[in-house]
């Protein structure tokens, strides 16, 4: 079973910074795209940032307009870990942040998407 474990959430003041991490556990052969999504109370889950596999796709990144210039997604293929550096945080960034990864657990098996359990980020005004 593949599980994604997030860490790094918490409470921060307006303008502050946080760094989220997400690492999978369990049987993993390859990981393709990885990303971060968030869901605020009463709202739908939305994309924050994604990054492709560094080896096969060059690690291309994509960001939601609302976080461009403030958030940076990166990954360490050796550790199968994805990070989200969040700077200049605003109260509207308050949400539960979820990690997502396309994982093939065993050679020959198709990739499928997995979600982490979520980590709360709260930005006080």
C-alpha atoms as a PDB file:
ATOM      1  CA  UNK A   1       0.000   0.000   0.000  1.00  0.00           C
ATOM      2  CA  UNK A   2       1.266   3.456  -0.923  1.00  0.00           C
ATOM      3  CA  UNK A   3       0.717   6.244   1.561  1.00  0.00           C
ATOM      4  CA  UNK A   4       1.685   9.904   1.260  1.00  0.00           C
ATOM      5  CA  UNK A   5       2.694  11.596   4.487  1.00  0.00           C
ATOM      6  CA  UNK A   6       2.673  15.385   4.691  1.00  0.00           C
ATOM      7  CA  UNK A   7       4.374  17.537   7.287  1.00  0.00           C
ATOM      8  CA  UNK A   8       5.184  21.168   7.933  1.00  0.00           C
ATOM      9  CA  UNK A   9       1.795  22.784   8.350  1.00  0.00           C
ATOM     10  CA  UNK A  10       0.940  25.093  11.215  1.00  0.00           C
ATOM     11  CA  UNK A  11      -0.037  28.583  12.304  1.00  0.00           C
ATOM     12  CA  UNK A  12       1.829  31.562  10.902  1.00  0.00           C
ATOM     13  CA  UNK A  13       1.302  35.297  10.834  1.00  0.00           C
ATOM     14  CA  UNK A  14       0.407  37.292   7.744  1.00  0.00           C
ATOM     15  CA  UNK A  15       3.563  37.650   5.640  1.00  0.00           C
ATOM     16  CA  UNK A  16       5.249  34.634   7.197  1.00  0.00           C
ATOM     17  CA  UNK A  17       6.650  31.476   5.643  1.00  0.00           C
ATOM     18  CA  UNK A  18       6.138  27.737   5.913  1.00  0.00           C
ATOM     19  CA  UNK A  19       7.638  24.746   4.153  1.00  0.00           C
ATOM     20  CA  UNK A  20       5.543  21.657   3.495  1.00  0.00           C
ATOM     21  CA  UNK A  21       7.020  18.241   2.788  1.00  0.00           C
ATOM     22  CA  UNK A  22       5.445  15.079   1.424  1.00  0.00           C
ATOM     23  CA  UNK A  23       7.046  11.674   1.210  1.00  0.00           C
ATOM     24  CA  UNK A  24       5.487   8.357   0.234  1.00  0.00           C
ATOM     25  CA  UNK A  25       5.792   5.106   2.104  1.00  0.00           C
ATOM     26  CA  UNK A  26       5.159   1.581   0.946  1.00  0.00           C
ATOM     27  CA  UNK A  27       6.014  -0.156  -2.297  1.00  0.00           C
ATOM     28  CA  UNK A  28       7.171   2.331  -4.941  1.00  0.00           C
ATOM     29  CA  UNK A  29       8.740   1.669  -8.297  1.00  0.00           C
ATOM     30  CA  UNK A  30       8.381   5.065  -9.969  1.00  0.00           C
ATOM     31  CA  UNK A  31       6.729   8.420  -9.255  1.00  0.00           C
ATOM     32  CA  UNK A  32       5.607  10.638 -12.100  1.00  0.00           C
ATOM     33  CA  UNK A  33       4.006  14.018 -11.406  1.00  0.00           C
ATOM     34  CA  UNK A  34       3.662  15.302  -7.843  1.00  0.00           C
ATOM     35  CA  UNK A  35       1.738  18.262  -6.581  1.00  0.00           C
ATOM     36  CA  UNK A  36      -0.003  20.219  -3.883  1.00  0.00           C
ATOM     37  CA  UNK A  37      -3.670  21.069  -3.636  1.00  0.00           C
ATOM     38  CA  UNK A  38      -5.627  22.913  -0.974  1.00  0.00           C
ATOM     39  CA  UNK A  39      -9.162  23.106   0.314  1.00  0.00           C
ATOM     40  CA  UNK A  40     -10.503  25.984   2.363  1.00  0.00           C
ATOM     41  CA  UNK A  41     -13.698  25.643   4.439  1.00  0.00           C
ATOM     42  CA  UNK A  42     -16.762  25.725   2.213  1.00  0.00           C
ATOM     43  CA  UNK A  43     -14.708  25.656  -0.972  1.00  0.00           C
ATOM     44  CA  UNK A  44     -13.685  23.045  -3.498  1.00  0.00           C
ATOM     45  CA  UNK A  45     -10.217  21.549  -3.535  1.00  0.00           C
ATOM     46  CA  UNK A  46      -7.977  23.538  -5.867  1.00  0.00           C
ATOM     47  CA  UNK A  47      -4.589  23.094  -7.464  1.00  0.00           C
ATOM     48  CA  UNK A  48      -1.707  24.972  -5.873  1.00  0.00           C
ATOM     49  CA  UNK A  49       1.328  23.679  -7.756  1.00  0.00           C
ATOM     50  CA  UNK A  50       2.555  20.642  -9.644  1.00  0.00           C
ATOM     51  CA  UNK A  51       5.934  19.362 -10.771  1.00  0.00           C
ATOM     52  CA  UNK A  52       6.754  16.668 -13.310  1.00  0.00           C
ATOM     53  CA  UNK A  53       9.339  13.944 -12.920  1.00  0.00           C
ATOM     54  CA  UNK A  54      12.815  15.442 -13.118  1.00  0.00           C
ATOM     55  CA  UNK A  55      14.364  12.511 -14.992  1.00  0.00           C
ATOM     56  CA  UNK A  56      11.744  12.015 -17.682  1.00  0.00           C
ATOM     57  CA  UNK A  57      10.123  15.433 -17.964  1.00  0.00           C
ATOM     58  CA  UNK A  58      12.647  17.915 -16.649  1.00  0.00           C
ATOM     59  CA  UNK A  59      10.817  18.838 -13.491  1.00  0.00           C
ATOM     60  CA  UNK A  60       8.469  21.325 -15.152  1.00  0.00           C
ATOM     61  CA  UNK A  61       6.356  23.307 -12.719  1.00  0.00           C
ATOM     62  CA  UNK A  62       2.874  24.771 -12.821  1.00  0.00           C
ATOM     63  CA  UNK A  63       1.321  27.193 -10.325  1.00  0.00           C
ATOM     64  CA  UNK A  64      -2.064  28.625  -9.572  1.00  0.00           C
ATOM     65  CA  UNK A  65      -2.144  32.333 -10.376  1.00  0.00           C
ATOM     66  CA  UNK A  66      -2.899  33.153  -6.748  1.00  0.00           C
ATOM     67  CA  UNK A  67       0.433  31.742  -5.532  1.00  0.00           C
ATOM     68  CA  UNK A  68       2.794  32.631  -8.387  1.00  0.00           C
ATOM     69  CA  UNK A  69       5.827  34.485  -7.122  1.00  0.00           C
ATOM     70  CA  UNK A  70       5.174  33.473  -3.508  1.00  0.00           C
ATOM     71  CA  UNK A  71       5.216  29.650  -3.512  1.00  0.00           C
ATOM     72  CA  UNK A  72       7.878  27.328  -4.903  1.00  0.00           C
ATOM     73  CA  UNK A  73       7.427  23.617  -5.524  1.00  0.00           C
ATOM     74  CA  UNK A  74      10.443  21.324  -5.718  1.00  0.00           C
ATOM     75  CA  UNK A  75      11.224  17.637  -5.436  1.00  0.00           C
ATOM     76  CA  UNK A  76      14.070  15.343  -4.479  1.00  0.00           C
ATOM     77  CA  UNK A  77      13.868  12.223  -6.625  1.00  0.00           C
ATOM     78  CA  UNK A  78      16.370  10.366  -4.478  1.00  0.00           C
ATOM     79  CA  UNK A  79      14.072  10.778  -1.492  1.00  0.00           C
ATOM     80  CA  UNK A  80      10.817  10.630  -3.473  1.00  0.00           C
ATOM     81  CA  UNK A  81       9.892  13.812  -1.644  1.00  0.00           C
ATOM     82  CA  UNK A  82       8.075  16.915  -2.827  1.00  0.00           C
ATOM     83  CA  UNK A  83       8.270  20.271  -1.063  1.00  0.00           C
ATOM     84  CA  UNK A  84       6.231  23.451  -1.102  1.00  0.00           C
ATOM     85  CA  UNK A  85       8.002  26.575   0.102  1.00  0.00           C
ATOM     86  CA  UNK A  86       5.374  29.174   0.937  1.00  0.00           C
ATOM     87  CA  UNK A  87       6.479  32.775   1.422  1.00  0.00           C
ATOM     88  CA  UNK A  88       4.532  35.995   1.934  1.00  0.00           C
ATOM     89  CA  UNK A  89       1.597  34.013   3.243  1.00  0.00           C
ATOM     90  CA  UNK A  90      -1.804  35.669   3.354  1.00  0.00           C
ATOM     91  CA  UNK A  91      -4.919  34.880   5.389  1.00  0.00           C
ATOM     92  CA  UNK A  92      -6.585  33.667   2.177  1.00  0.00           C
ATOM     93  CA  UNK A  93      -3.952  30.927   1.953  1.00  0.00           C
ATOM     94  CA  UNK A  94      -5.530  29.313   5.008  1.00  0.00           C
ATOM     95  CA  UNK A  95      -6.613  25.806   4.038  1.00  0.00           C
ATOM     96  CA  UNK A  96      -5.870  22.128   4.380  1.00  0.00           C
ATOM     97  CA  UNK A  97      -3.039  21.340   2.001  1.00  0.00           C
ATOM     98  CA  UNK A  98      -2.972  17.942   0.309  1.00  0.00           C
ATOM     99  CA  UNK A  99      -0.105  16.193  -1.423  1.00  0.00           C
ATOM    100  CA  UNK A 100      -0.797  14.248  -4.601  1.00  0.00           C
ATOM    101  CA  UNK A 101       1.461  11.889  -6.519  1.00  0.00           C
ATOM    102  CA  UNK A 102       1.136   9.604  -9.534  1.00  0.00           C
ATOM    103  CA  UNK A 103       2.752   6.373  -8.402  1.00  0.00           C
ATOM    104  CA  UNK A 104       3.493   3.034 -10.008  1.00  0.00           C
ATOM    105  CA  UNK A 105       4.015   0.684  -7.037  1.00  0.00           C
ATOM    106  CA  UNK A 106       5.586  -2.176  -8.989  1.00  0.00           C
ATOM    107  CA  UNK A 107       7.294  -2.445 -12.378  1.00  0.00           C
ATOM    108  CA  UNK A 108       4.628  -2.993 -15.017  1.00  0.00           C
ATOM    109  CA  UNK A 109       1.721  -1.604 -13.017  1.00  0.00           C
ATOM    110  CA  UNK A 110      -0.004   1.511 -14.277  1.00  0.00           C
ATOM    111  CA  UNK A 111       0.409   4.816 -12.496  1.00  0.00           C
ATOM    112  CA  UNK A 112      -2.443   5.948 -10.269  1.00  0.00           C
ATOM    113  CA  UNK A 113      -2.973   9.019  -8.163  1.00  0.00           C
ATOM    114  CA  UNK A 114      -2.567   8.944  -4.407  1.00  0.00           C
ATOM    115  CA  UNK A 115      -3.500  11.587  -1.843  1.00  0.00           C
ATOM    116  CA  UNK A 116      -2.054  12.431   1.518  1.00  0.00           C
ATOM    117  CA  UNK A 117      -4.192  12.974   4.601  1.00  0.00           C
ATOM    118  CA  UNK A 118      -3.738  16.736   4.497  1.00  0.00           C
ATOM    119  CA  UNK A 119      -1.967  19.256   6.701  1.00  0.00           C
ATOM    120  CA  UNK A 120      -3.562  22.418   8.074  1.00  0.00           C
ATOM    121  CA  UNK A 121      -2.064  25.799   7.221  1.00  0.00           C
ATOM    122  CA  UNK A 122      -3.513  28.768   9.066  1.00  0.00           C
ATOM    123  CA  UNK A 123      -2.423  32.337   8.376  1.00  0.00           C
ATOM    124  CA  UNK A 124      -3.496  34.897  10.948  1.00  0.00           C
ATOM    125  CA  UNK A 125      -4.175  38.486   9.997  1.00  0.00           C
END
